[in-house]
């Protein structure tokens, strides 16, 4: 599944994950697919779902413990 992330999260994730930052009429964005997880520590990845990091179509960023998906450019 492809996700579109915009604004400051797009810039941060483009720098961290090396994905392509694009410029649109409403600002900067990335179009990505999930690759894995960062900041999980000893936790099981099966307990996490990418959709939980979005609300109303907006990316929410990392959990309070720093866990969030890693990304690759959408194909």
PDB file of N, CA and C in Angstrom:
ATOM      1  N   UNK A   1       0.849  -1.183   0.000  1.00  0.00           N
ATOM      2  CA  UNK A   1       0.000   0.000   0.000  1.00  0.00           C
ATOM      3  C   UNK A   1       0.891   1.241   0.000  1.00  0.00           C
ATOM      4  N   UNK A   2       0.476   2.245  -0.757  1.00  0.00           N
ATOM      5  CA  UNK A   2       1.219   3.487  -0.864  1.00  0.00           C
ATOM      6  C   UNK A   2       0.632   4.546   0.071  1.00  0.00           C
ATOM      7  N   UNK A   3       1.513   5.302   0.704  1.00  0.00           N
ATOM      8  CA  UNK A   3       1.107   6.371   1.623  1.00  0.00           C
ATOM      9  C   UNK A   3       1.719   7.686   1.162  1.00  0.00           C
ATOM     10  N   UNK A   4       0.975   8.762   1.338  1.00  0.00           N
ATOM     11  CA  UNK A   4       1.475  10.100   1.056  1.00  0.00           C
ATOM     12  C   UNK A   4       1.615  10.830   2.388  1.00  0.00           C
ATOM     13  N   UNK A   5       2.813  11.320   2.656  1.00  0.00           N
ATOM     14  CA  UNK A   5       3.109  12.033   3.894  1.00  0.00           C
ATOM     15  C   UNK A   5       3.612  13.412   3.514  1.00  0.00           C
ATOM     16  N   UNK A   6       3.067  14.434   4.166  1.00  0.00           N
ATOM     17  CA  UNK A   6       3.433  15.801   3.799  1.00  0.00           C
ATOM     18  C   UNK A   6       3.988  16.573   4.981  1.00  0.00           C
ATOM     19  N   UNK A   7       4.469  17.781   4.660  1.00  0.00           N
ATOM     20  CA  UNK A   7       4.938  18.697   5.692  1.00  0.00           C
ATOM     21  C   UNK A   7       6.259  18.309   6.324  1.00  0.00           C
ATOM     22  N   UNK A   8       6.408  18.687   7.600  1.00  0.00           N
ATOM     23  CA  UNK A   8       7.679  18.472   8.303  1.00  0.00           C
ATOM     24  C   UNK A   8       8.025  16.995   8.450  1.00  0.00           C
ATOM     25  N   UNK A   9       7.020  16.140   8.571  1.00  0.00           N
ATOM     26  CA  UNK A   9       7.311  14.705   8.646  1.00  0.00           C
ATOM     27  C   UNK A   9       7.913  14.216   7.328  1.00  0.00           C
ATOM     28  N   UNK A  10       7.425  14.739   6.210  1.00  0.00           N
ATOM     29  CA  UNK A  10       7.961  14.346   4.908  1.00  0.00           C
ATOM     30  C   UNK A  10       9.439  14.700   4.799  1.00  0.00           C
ATOM     31  N   UNK A  11       9.794  15.892   5.224  1.00  0.00           N
ATOM     32  CA  UNK A  11      11.191  16.328   5.166  1.00  0.00           C
ATOM     33  C   UNK A  11      12.055  15.453   6.072  1.00  0.00           C
ATOM     34  N   UNK A  12      11.605  15.216   7.289  1.00  0.00           N
ATOM     35  CA  UNK A  12      12.361  14.408   8.251  1.00  0.00           C
ATOM     36  C   UNK A  12      12.556  12.975   7.760  1.00  0.00           C
ATOM     37  N   UNK A  13      11.484  12.383   7.234  1.00  0.00           N
ATOM     38  CA  UNK A  13      11.565  10.998   6.775  1.00  0.00           C
ATOM     39  C   UNK A  13      12.386  10.877   5.494  1.00  0.00           C
ATOM     40  N   UNK A  14      12.332  11.887   4.634  1.00  0.00           N
ATOM     41  CA  UNK A  14      13.157  11.870   3.420  1.00  0.00           C
ATOM     42  C   UNK A  14      14.634  11.865   3.800  1.00  0.00           C
ATOM     43  N   UNK A  15      14.999  12.661   4.792  1.00  0.00           N
ATOM     44  CA  UNK A  15      16.396  12.692   5.252  1.00  0.00           C
ATOM     45  C   UNK A  15      16.780  11.383   5.937  1.00  0.00           C
ATOM     46  N   UNK A  16      15.912  10.872   6.786  1.00  0.00           N
ATOM     47  CA  UNK A  16      16.234   9.666   7.551  1.00  0.00           C
ATOM     48  C   UNK A  16      16.274   8.414   6.681  1.00  0.00           C
ATOM     49  N   UNK A  17      15.245   8.235   5.826  1.00  0.00           N
ATOM     50  CA  UNK A  17      15.098   6.995   5.074  1.00  0.00           C
ATOM     51  C   UNK A  17      15.595   7.076   3.640  1.00  0.00           C
ATOM     52  N   UNK A  18      15.992   8.270   3.190  1.00  0.00           N
ATOM     53  CA  UNK A  18      16.531   8.417   1.844  1.00  0.00           C
ATOM     54  C   UNK A  18      15.477   8.322   0.754  1.00  0.00           C
ATOM     55  N   UNK A  19      14.228   8.653   1.081  1.00  0.00           N
ATOM     56  CA  UNK A  19      13.178   8.637   0.065  1.00  0.00           C
ATOM     57  C   UNK A  19      13.121   9.988  -0.647  1.00  0.00           C
ATOM     58  N   UNK A  20      12.450  10.015  -1.796  1.00  0.00           N
ATOM     59  CA  UNK A  20      12.411  11.201  -2.647  1.00  0.00           C
ATOM     60  C   UNK A  20      11.406  12.215  -2.126  1.00  0.00           C
ATOM     61  N   UNK A  21      11.884  13.400  -1.834  1.00  0.00           N
ATOM     62  CA  UNK A  21      11.031  14.506  -1.397  1.00  0.00           C
ATOM     63  C   UNK A  21      10.545  15.248  -2.636  1.00  0.00           C
ATOM     64  N   UNK A  22       9.233  15.394  -2.738  1.00  0.00           N
ATOM     65  CA  UNK A  22       8.623  16.049  -3.897  1.00  0.00           C
ATOM     66  C   UNK A  22       8.017  17.380  -3.480  1.00  0.00           C
ATOM     67  N   UNK A  23       7.824  18.271  -4.460  1.00  0.00           N
ATOM     68  CA  UNK A  23       7.221  19.578  -4.212  1.00  0.00           C
ATOM     69  C   UNK A  23       5.904  19.647  -4.963  1.00  0.00           C
ATOM     70  N   UNK A  24       4.830  19.952  -4.240  1.00  0.00           N
ATOM     71  CA  UNK A  24       3.517  20.113  -4.850  1.00  0.00           C
ATOM     72  C   UNK A  24       2.971  21.490  -4.558  1.00  0.00           C
ATOM     73  N   UNK A  25       1.760  21.752  -5.004  1.00  0.00           N
ATOM     74  CA  UNK A  25       1.124  23.050  -4.778  1.00  0.00           C
ATOM     75  C   UNK A  25       0.953  23.348  -3.294  1.00  0.00           C
ATOM     76  N   UNK A  26       0.772  22.302  -2.503  1.00  0.00           N
ATOM     77  CA  UNK A  26       0.532  22.484  -1.064  1.00  0.00           C
ATOM     78  C   UNK A  26       1.789  22.226  -0.230  1.00  0.00           C
ATOM     79  N   UNK A  27       2.938  22.190  -0.855  1.00  0.00           N
ATOM     80  CA  UNK A  27       4.176  22.001  -0.107  1.00  0.00           C
ATOM     81  C   UNK A  27       4.861  20.686  -0.411  1.00  0.00           C
ATOM     82  N   UNK A  28       5.751  20.303   0.479  1.00  0.00           N
ATOM     83  CA  UNK A  28       6.577  19.117   0.265  1.00  0.00           C
ATOM     84  C   UNK A  28       5.870  17.854   0.730  1.00  0.00           C
ATOM     85  N   UNK A  29       6.135  16.735   0.008  1.00  0.00           N
ATOM     86  CA  UNK A  29       5.526  15.464   0.369  1.00  0.00           C
ATOM     87  C   UNK A  29       6.395  14.315  -0.125  1.00  0.00           C
ATOM     88  N   UNK A  30       6.115  13.132   0.414  1.00  0.00           N
ATOM     89  CA  UNK A  30       6.733  11.899  -0.055  1.00  0.00           C
ATOM     90  C   UNK A  30       5.628  10.895  -0.346  1.00  0.00           C
ATOM     91  N   UNK A  31       5.855  10.013  -1.310  1.00  0.00           N
ATOM     92  CA  UNK A  31       4.954   8.904  -1.612  1.00  0.00           C
ATOM     93  C   UNK A  31       5.754   7.640  -1.359  1.00  0.00           C
ATOM     94  N   UNK A  32       5.335   6.878  -0.353  1.00  0.00           N
ATOM     95  CA  UNK A  32       6.166   5.799   0.163  1.00  0.00           C
ATOM     96  C   UNK A  32       5.371   4.531   0.458  1.00  0.00           C
ATOM     97  N   UNK A  33       6.132   3.452   0.649  1.00  0.00           N
ATOM     98  CA  UNK A  33       5.604   2.175   1.108  1.00  0.00           C
ATOM     99  C   UNK A  33       6.384   1.783   2.354  1.00  0.00           C
ATOM    100  N   UNK A  34       5.727   1.125   3.311  1.00  0.00           N
ATOM    101  CA  UNK A  34       6.432   0.743   4.540  1.00  0.00           C
ATOM    102  C   UNK A  34       7.495  -0.314   4.268  1.00  0.00           C
ATOM    103  N   UNK A  35       8.606  -0.203   4.988  1.00  0.00           N
ATOM    104  CA  UNK A  35       9.722  -1.137   4.843  1.00  0.00           C
ATOM    105  C   UNK A  35       9.951  -1.935   6.124  1.00  0.00           C
ATOM    106  N   UNK A  36       9.865  -1.272   7.270  1.00  0.00           N
ATOM    107  CA  UNK A  36      10.135  -1.918   8.550  1.00  0.00           C
ATOM    108  C   UNK A  36       9.802  -0.954   9.669  1.00  0.00           C
ATOM    109  N   UNK A  37      10.545  -1.080  10.770  1.00  0.00           N
ATOM    110  CA  UNK A  37      10.270  -0.266  11.958  1.00  0.00           C
ATOM    111  C   UNK A  37      11.568   0.240  12.566  1.00  0.00           C
ATOM    112  N   UNK A  38      11.479   1.387  13.212  1.00  0.00           N
ATOM    113  CA  UNK A  38      12.604   1.964  13.933  1.00  0.00           C
ATOM    114  C   UNK A  38      12.127   2.286  15.349  1.00  0.00           C
ATOM    115  N   UNK A  39      13.028   2.145  16.326  1.00  0.00           N
ATOM    116  CA  UNK A  39      12.730   2.512  17.704  1.00  0.00           C
ATOM    117  C   UNK A  39      11.919   1.506  18.472  1.00  0.00           C
ATOM    118  N   UNK A  40      11.919   0.247  18.040  1.00  0.00           N
ATOM    119  CA  UNK A  40      11.075  -0.755  18.672  1.00  0.00           C
ATOM    120  C   UNK A  40      11.673  -1.374  19.928  1.00  0.00           C
ATOM    121  N   UNK A  41      12.972  -1.355  20.065  1.00  0.00           N
ATOM    122  CA  UNK A  41      13.570  -2.023  21.218  1.00  0.00           C
ATOM    123  C   UNK A  41      13.302  -3.518  21.164  1.00  0.00           C
ATOM    124  N   UNK A  42      12.798  -4.072  22.255  1.00  0.00           N
ATOM    125  CA  UNK A  42      12.537  -5.516  22.345  1.00  0.00           C
ATOM    126  C   UNK A  42      11.121  -5.895  21.922  1.00  0.00           C
ATOM    127  N   UNK A  43      10.356  -4.955  21.407  1.00  0.00           N
ATOM    128  CA  UNK A  43       8.958  -5.212  21.101  1.00  0.00           C
ATOM    129  C   UNK A  43       8.800  -5.995  19.806  1.00  0.00           C
ATOM    130  N   UNK A  44       7.694  -6.701  19.683  1.00  0.00           N
ATOM    131  CA  UNK A  44       7.383  -7.535  18.533  1.00  0.00           C
ATOM    132  C   UNK A  44       6.747  -6.682  17.428  1.00  0.00           C
ATOM    133  N   UNK A  45       7.317  -6.736  16.239  1.00  0.00           N
ATOM    134  CA  UNK A  45       6.815  -5.934  15.113  1.00  0.00           C
ATOM    135  C   UNK A  45       5.385  -6.309  14.731  1.00  0.00           C
ATOM    136  N   UNK A  46       4.944  -7.527  15.036  1.00  0.00           N
ATOM    137  CA  UNK A  46       3.581  -7.945  14.704  1.00  0.00           C
ATOM    138  C   UNK A  46       2.527  -7.152  15.469  1.00  0.00           C
ATOM    139  N   UNK A  47       2.923  -6.486  16.534  1.00  0.00           N
ATOM    140  CA  UNK A  47       1.991  -5.694  17.346  1.00  0.00           C
ATOM    141  C   UNK A  47       1.748  -4.305  16.753  1.00  0.00           C
ATOM    142  N   UNK A  48       2.482  -3.945  15.723  1.00  0.00           N
ATOM    143  CA  UNK A  48       2.391  -2.604  15.150  1.00  0.00           C
ATOM    144  C   UNK A  48       1.726  -2.651  13.781  1.00  0.00           C
ATOM    145  N   UNK A  49       0.962  -1.603  13.478  1.00  0.00           N
ATOM    146  CA  UNK A  49       0.266  -1.493  12.201  1.00  0.00           C
ATOM    147  C   UNK A  49       0.473  -0.079  11.655  1.00  0.00           C
ATOM    148  N   UNK A  50       0.916   0.002  10.422  1.00  0.00           N
ATOM    149  CA  UNK A  50       1.217   1.294   9.806  1.00  0.00           C
ATOM    150  C   UNK A  50       0.010   2.232   9.871  1.00  0.00           C
ATOM    151  N   UNK A  51      -1.185   1.705   9.676  1.00  0.00           N
ATOM    152  CA  UNK A  51      -2.390   2.541   9.671  1.00  0.00           C
ATOM    153  C   UNK A  51      -2.595   3.276  10.994  1.00  0.00           C
ATOM    154  N   UNK A  52      -2.067   2.733  12.089  1.00  0.00           N
ATOM    155  CA  UNK A  52      -2.210   3.373  13.398  1.00  0.00           C
ATOM    156  C   UNK A  52      -1.415   4.675  13.500  1.00  0.00           C
ATOM    157  N   UNK A  53      -0.533   4.924  12.558  1.00  0.00           N
ATOM    158  CA  UNK A  53       0.292   6.127  12.567  1.00  0.00           C
ATOM    159  C   UNK A  53      -0.305   7.244  11.722  1.00  0.00           C
ATOM    160  N   UNK A  54      -1.540   7.054  11.288  1.00  0.00           N
ATOM    161  CA  UNK A  54      -2.257   8.050  10.494  1.00  0.00           C
ATOM    162  C   UNK A  54      -3.607   8.353  11.137  1.00  0.00           C
ATOM    163  N   UNK A  55      -4.034   9.598  11.030  1.00  0.00           N
ATOM    164  CA  UNK A  55      -5.364   9.999  11.480  1.00  0.00           C
ATOM    165  C   UNK A  55      -5.893  11.044  10.514  1.00  0.00           C
ATOM    166  N   UNK A  56      -7.063  10.797   9.975  1.00  0.00           N
ATOM    167  CA  UNK A  56      -7.635  11.731   9.014  1.00  0.00           C
ATOM    168  C   UNK A  56      -6.755  11.939   7.802  1.00  0.00           C
ATOM    169  N   UNK A  57      -6.000  10.920   7.427  1.00  0.00           N
ATOM    170  CA  UNK A  57      -5.110  11.011   6.279  1.00  0.00           C
ATOM    171  C   UNK A  57      -3.771  11.670   6.561  1.00  0.00           C
ATOM    172  N   UNK A  58      -3.562  12.140   7.786  1.00  0.00           N
ATOM    173  CA  UNK A  58      -2.311  12.813   8.152  1.00  0.00           C
ATOM    174  C   UNK A  58      -1.418  11.877   8.957  1.00  0.00           C
ATOM    175  N   UNK A  59      -0.125  11.886   8.639  1.00  0.00           N
ATOM    176  CA  UNK A  59       0.845  11.094   9.385  1.00  0.00           C
ATOM    177  C   UNK A  59       1.063  11.732  10.747  1.00  0.00           C
ATOM    178  N   UNK A  60       1.030  10.917  11.804  1.00  0.00           N
ATOM    179  CA  UNK A  60       1.127  11.421  13.173  1.00  0.00           C
ATOM    180  C   UNK A  60       2.547  11.462  13.720  1.00  0.00           C
ATOM    181  N   UNK A  61       3.472  10.754  13.080  1.00  0.00           N
ATOM    182  CA  UNK A  61       4.843  10.718  13.587  1.00  0.00           C
ATOM    183  C   UNK A  61       5.051   9.567  14.552  1.00  0.00           C
ATOM    184  N   UNK A  62       6.200   9.541  15.217  1.00  0.00           N
ATOM    185  CA  UNK A  62       6.530   8.421  16.095  1.00  0.00           C
ATOM    186  C   UNK A  62       5.676   8.374  17.357  1.00  0.00           C
ATOM    187  N   UNK A  63       5.573   7.152  17.921  1.00  0.00           N
ATOM    188  CA  UNK A  63       4.942   6.965  19.235  1.00  0.00           C
ATOM    189  C   UNK A  63       5.759   7.685  20.296  1.00  0.00           C
ATOM    190  N   UNK A  64       5.231   7.712  21.502  1.00  0.00           N
ATOM    191  CA  UNK A  64       5.948   8.341  22.610  1.00  0.00           C
ATOM    192  C   UNK A  64       7.263   7.625  22.919  1.00  0.00           C
ATOM    193  N   UNK A  65       7.383   6.350  22.517  1.00  0.00           N
ATOM    194  CA  UNK A  65       8.634   5.618  22.726  1.00  0.00           C
ATOM    195  C   UNK A  65       9.568   5.695  21.523  1.00  0.00           C
ATOM    196  N   UNK A  66       9.192   6.468  20.493  1.00  0.00           N
ATOM    197  CA  UNK A  66      10.041   6.658  19.320  1.00  0.00           C
ATOM    198  C   UNK A  66       9.832   5.659  18.201  1.00  0.00           C
ATOM    199  N   UNK A  67       8.889   4.748  18.361  1.00  0.00           N
ATOM    200  CA  UNK A  67       8.633   3.746  17.333  1.00  0.00           C
ATOM    201  C   UNK A  67       7.816   4.352  16.200  1.00  0.00           C
ATOM    202  N   UNK A  68       8.234   4.051  14.965  1.00  0.00           N
ATOM    203  CA  UNK A  68       7.472   4.438  13.776  1.00  0.00           C
ATOM    204  C   UNK A  68       7.976   3.627  12.592  1.00  0.00           C
ATOM    205  N   UNK A  69       7.173   3.580  11.513  1.00  0.00           N
ATOM    206  CA  UNK A  69       7.589   2.830  10.329  1.00  0.00           C
ATOM    207  C   UNK A  69       8.812   3.470   9.653  1.00  0.00           C
ATOM    208  N   UNK A  70       9.576   2.640   8.956  1.00  0.00           N
ATOM    209  CA  UNK A  70      10.574   3.116   8.018  1.00  0.00           C
ATOM    210  C   UNK A  70       9.969   2.979   6.623  1.00  0.00           C
ATOM    211  N   UNK A  71      10.518   3.715   5.653  1.00  0.00           N
ATOM    212  CA  UNK A  71       9.866   3.839   4.361  1.00  0.00           C
ATOM    213  C   UNK A  71      10.841   3.672   3.199  1.00  0.00           C
ATOM    214  N   UNK A  72      10.267   3.250   2.036  1.00  0.00           N
ATOM    215  CA  UNK A  72      10.963   3.259   0.758  1.00  0.00           C
ATOM    216  C   UNK A  72      10.067   3.997  -0.231  1.00  0.00           C
ATOM    217  N   UNK A  73      10.664   4.501  -1.306  1.00  0.00           N
ATOM    218  CA  UNK A  73       9.863   5.166  -2.338  1.00  0.00           C
ATOM    219  C   UNK A  73       8.830   4.191  -2.904  1.00  0.00           C
ATOM    220  N   UNK A  74       7.626   4.683  -3.131  1.00  0.00           N
ATOM    221  CA  UNK A  74       6.563   3.878  -3.738  1.00  0.00           C
ATOM    222  C   UNK A  74       6.939   3.543  -5.175  1.00  0.00           C
ATOM    223  N   UNK A  75       6.558   2.370  -5.585  1.00  0.00           N
ATOM    224  CA  UNK A  75       6.862   1.954  -6.957  1.00  0.00           C
ATOM    225  C   UNK A  75       5.685   2.149  -7.864  1.00  0.00           C
TER     226      UNK A  75
END
